[in-house]
Structures are given as structure tokens and as C-alpha cells.
Amino acid sequence: MLGTKKRSATHVSGKTTLVSSDTVIVGDIRFSGVLDIEGLVQGNIVAQEGKDALVRVVDKGRVEGEIRAPSVVINGAVQGNVYSTRHLELASKARVQGNVFYTLVEMAAGAEVNGSLAHMAEPDAVKAKKGAPGGAGSEHTAGLAVVSAKLD
């Protein structure tokens, strides 16, 4: 997980954009590739549709807005909903104030989510369900858990 010696299971090729520790961005960010947040983003972060993308919020990084990306690694603070269609990693210093929607999640001891956790069907499975009876394209499973927890 982020901040440990173990290499993250999430790897994305492409260019890296850095929001450095003394930087404040007010407004939405649309990107592809890798976005590393060490500073503060006051706005939504949205990966370009159909592109490979990874958002990493490091231990002193903060996001005040929504995150929507295939892969997300959080070890800082997020105030807003998080949508990860591929892989979500919540490291030991992660603090999320909002709802989390994921396909695959890793959560380390010490991570906090103050909101609900909801599993999303994988994007290919959702497309297949749209044509099936009773599969009106629902992106979420029936299992919605309301969580306010800290793992120690």
C-alpha cells in the first residue's frame, strides 16, 4: 500500500501529473494517466472515459470533492464520494468522509470510511446485463453497507 515498502497492486502506464504539497487547485480536474495529489484539490477529479487512469492521494494530500477513476489509492483525506471501477486501495492513513463505490477494494488497518461502501458490478458485466431480462443496467449490487469504521 501507499507509504509502505509493498508495491501497489495498481499500475497504470502514461504520463504523471503532480499536485505538489504547497499547491491548491480550485476547480475540477479531468485527466488520464496518473494523478498524484500531495496538496489540496477543491473540486471533482474525473478520469477521461475509456482511458487507463490512476488517482493517488498521498498521506498529506486532500481532496474536497468527488473522485471518479478506474484505479484509486488513498492514504490522505477525501471529503466526497469515491467511485472506482477497477481497483480501490485504502492505505493505513486514508480518511474518507463520503460514500465509496468500488469493484475491488483493499483496506489496511487504520483506514477510515465514514459513509457507505457499495460494490459495483464490473463495467463489462453491466453492459451484458443491460440486454438481459431483469438487468436494466443496475450498476450496484443489493448489498449496501453503511459503515463508520476505523480498522486497527
Protein backbone atom coordinates (compact mmCIF):
# COMPACT_ATOMS: atom_id res chain seq x y z
CA MET A 1 0.00 0.00 0.00
CA LEU A 2 0.97 3.60 -0.41
CA GLY A 3 3.52 4.68 2.18
CA THR A 4 4.79 1.16 2.76
CA LYS A 5 7.53 -0.84 1.10
CA LYS A 6 5.00 -3.09 -0.67
CA ARG A 7 4.48 -2.05 -4.28
CA SER A 8 0.92 -1.09 -5.06
CA ALA A 9 -1.07 -3.68 -6.99
CA THR A 10 -2.30 -0.88 -9.23
CA HIS A 11 -0.11 0.11 -12.16
CA VAL A 12 -1.05 2.50 -14.93
CA SER A 13 1.17 3.50 -17.82
CA GLY A 14 1.14 7.02 -19.16
CA LYS A 15 2.09 10.47 -18.02
CA THR A 16 2.04 11.54 -14.38
CA THR A 17 0.53 14.82 -13.18
CA LEU A 18 1.59 16.05 -9.74
CA VAL A 19 -0.28 18.41 -7.44
CA SER A 20 2.60 19.23 -5.11
CA SER A 21 2.35 19.77 -1.36
CA ASP A 22 2.20 23.59 -1.48
CA THR A 23 -0.38 23.68 -4.29
CA VAL A 24 -4.11 24.38 -4.02
CA ILE A 25 -6.28 23.73 -7.07
CA VAL A 26 -9.79 25.18 -7.04
CA GLY A 27 -11.86 23.58 -9.78
CA ASP A 28 -12.39 20.24 -11.43
CA ILE A 29 -9.58 18.11 -12.86
CA ARG A 30 -10.10 15.86 -15.88
CA PHE A 31 -7.13 13.62 -16.66
CA SER A 32 -5.72 10.34 -17.96
CA GLY A 33 -2.58 8.52 -16.83
CA VAL A 34 -1.53 9.04 -13.22
CA LEU A 35 -2.57 11.92 -10.96
CA ASP A 36 -0.59 12.24 -7.70
CA ILE A 37 -2.08 14.58 -5.10
CA GLU A 38 0.23 15.84 -2.38
CA GLY A 39 -1.54 19.21 -1.98
CA LEU A 40 -5.20 20.26 -1.88
CA VAL A 41 -7.78 19.88 -4.65
CA GLN A 42 -11.07 21.71 -4.08
CA GLY A 43 -13.14 20.23 -6.89
CA ASN A 44 -14.01 16.97 -8.57
CA ILE A 45 -11.42 14.64 -10.06
CA VAL A 46 -12.65 12.74 -13.11
CA ALA A 47 -10.68 10.35 -15.31
CA GLN A 48 -11.29 10.55 -19.06
CA GLU A 49 -13.77 7.88 -20.08
CA GLY A 50 -12.25 4.87 -21.78
CA LYS A 51 -8.71 5.77 -20.66
CA ASP A 52 -6.49 4.00 -18.15
CA ALA A 53 -6.17 6.23 -15.09
CA LEU A 54 -4.96 6.18 -11.50
CA VAL A 55 -5.50 8.75 -8.74
CA ARG A 56 -3.16 8.64 -5.74
CA VAL A 57 -3.85 10.82 -2.70
CA VAL A 58 -0.72 10.67 -0.53
CA ASP A 59 -0.70 10.90 3.27
CA LYS A 60 -0.75 14.72 3.44
CA GLY A 61 -2.86 15.15 0.29
CA ARG A 62 -6.50 16.28 0.46
CA VAL A 63 -9.43 16.25 -1.91
CA GLU A 64 -12.61 18.22 -1.24
CA GLY A 65 -14.80 16.80 -3.98
CA GLU A 66 -15.69 13.64 -5.80
CA ILE A 67 -13.17 11.18 -7.26
CA ARG A 68 -14.13 9.11 -10.32
CA ALA A 69 -11.40 6.89 -11.78
CA PRO A 70 -10.76 3.24 -12.64
CA SER A 71 -7.99 2.94 -10.04
CA VAL A 72 -7.71 4.95 -6.82
CA VAL A 73 -5.16 4.76 -3.99
CA ILE A 74 -5.89 6.86 -0.89
CA ASN A 75 -3.54 7.47 2.01
CA GLY A 76 -4.70 11.04 2.68
CA ALA A 77 -8.06 12.74 3.22
CA VAL A 78 -11.06 12.80 0.89
CA GLN A 79 -14.25 14.74 1.61
CA GLY A 80 -16.61 13.47 -1.05
CA ASN A 81 -17.73 10.31 -2.77
CA VAL A 82 -15.20 7.94 -4.36
CA TYR A 83 -16.06 5.88 -7.46
CA SER A 84 -13.50 3.26 -8.53
CA THR A 85 -14.45 0.97 -11.41
CA ARG A 86 -11.36 -1.25 -11.21
CA HIS A 87 -9.30 -1.16 -8.00
CA LEU A 88 -9.52 0.90 -4.81
CA GLU A 89 -6.80 0.83 -2.20
CA LEU A 90 -7.34 2.48 1.20
CA ALA A 91 -3.98 2.68 2.96
CA SER A 92 -3.49 3.00 6.72
CA LYS A 93 -3.79 6.81 6.84
CA ALA A 94 -6.80 7.02 4.49
CA ARG A 95 -9.69 9.17 5.76
CA VAL A 96 -12.80 9.22 3.57
CA GLN A 97 -15.84 11.33 4.51
CA GLY A 98 -18.31 10.15 1.90
CA ASN A 99 -19.68 7.13 0.13
CA VAL A 100 -17.35 4.66 -1.56
CA PHE A 101 -18.35 2.73 -4.69
CA TYR A 102 -15.90 0.03 -5.75
CA THR A 103 -15.39 -3.08 -7.85
CA LEU A 104 -12.37 -4.42 -5.91
CA VAL A 105 -11.19 -2.93 -2.61
CA GLU A 106 -8.16 -3.32 -0.34
CA MET A 107 -8.40 -1.69 3.08
CA ALA A 108 -5.48 -1.53 5.53
CA ALA A 109 -5.68 -1.43 9.30
CA GLY A 110 -6.12 2.18 10.37
CA ALA A 111 -8.06 3.30 7.28
CA GLU A 112 -11.34 5.14 7.92
CA VAL A 113 -14.51 5.38 5.83
CA ASN A 114 -17.31 7.50 7.23
CA GLY A 115 -20.08 6.74 4.75
CA SER A 116 -21.42 3.75 2.91
CA LEU A 117 -19.50 1.10 0.99
CA ALA A 118 -21.21 -0.25 -2.12
CA HIS A 119 -19.93 -2.86 -4.52
CA MET A 120 -20.38 -2.02 -8.22
CA ALA A 121 -20.66 -4.62 -10.94
CA GLU A 122 -17.67 -4.69 -13.26
CA PRO A 123 -18.22 -2.44 -16.32
CA ASP A 124 -18.31 -5.40 -18.77
CA ALA A 125 -20.84 -7.22 -16.58
CA VAL A 126 -23.05 -4.10 -16.51
CA LYS A 127 -23.05 -3.91 -20.33
CA ALA A 128 -24.01 -7.58 -20.57
CA LYS A 129 -26.85 -7.15 -18.03
CA LYS A 130 -28.43 -4.28 -19.97
CA GLY A 131 -29.56 -6.72 -22.65
CA ALA A 132 -30.63 -9.44 -20.19
CA PRO A 133 -34.13 -9.71 -18.66
CA GLY A 134 -34.21 -8.05 -15.25
CA GLY A 135 -30.85 -6.44 -15.99
CA ALA A 136 -31.93 -2.87 -16.54
CA GLY A 137 -28.34 -1.74 -16.19
CA SER A 138 -28.16 -1.59 -12.42
CA GLU A 139 -24.59 -0.76 -11.51
CA HIS A 140 -24.80 -1.67 -7.86
CA THR A 141 -25.46 -4.93 -6.10
CA ALA A 142 -28.17 -5.16 -3.48
CA GLY A 143 -25.60 -5.35 -0.68
CA LEU A 144 -25.16 -1.79 0.57
CA ALA A 145 -23.38 -1.45 3.88
CA VAL A 146 -23.46 1.71 5.96
CA VAL A 147 -20.06 2.00 7.57
CA SER A 148 -18.45 4.32 10.02
CA ALA A 149 -15.42 2.32 10.94
CA LYS A 150 -11.77 2.51 11.75
CA LEU A 151 -9.66 -0.61 11.29
CA ASP A 152 -6.90 -1.03 13.83
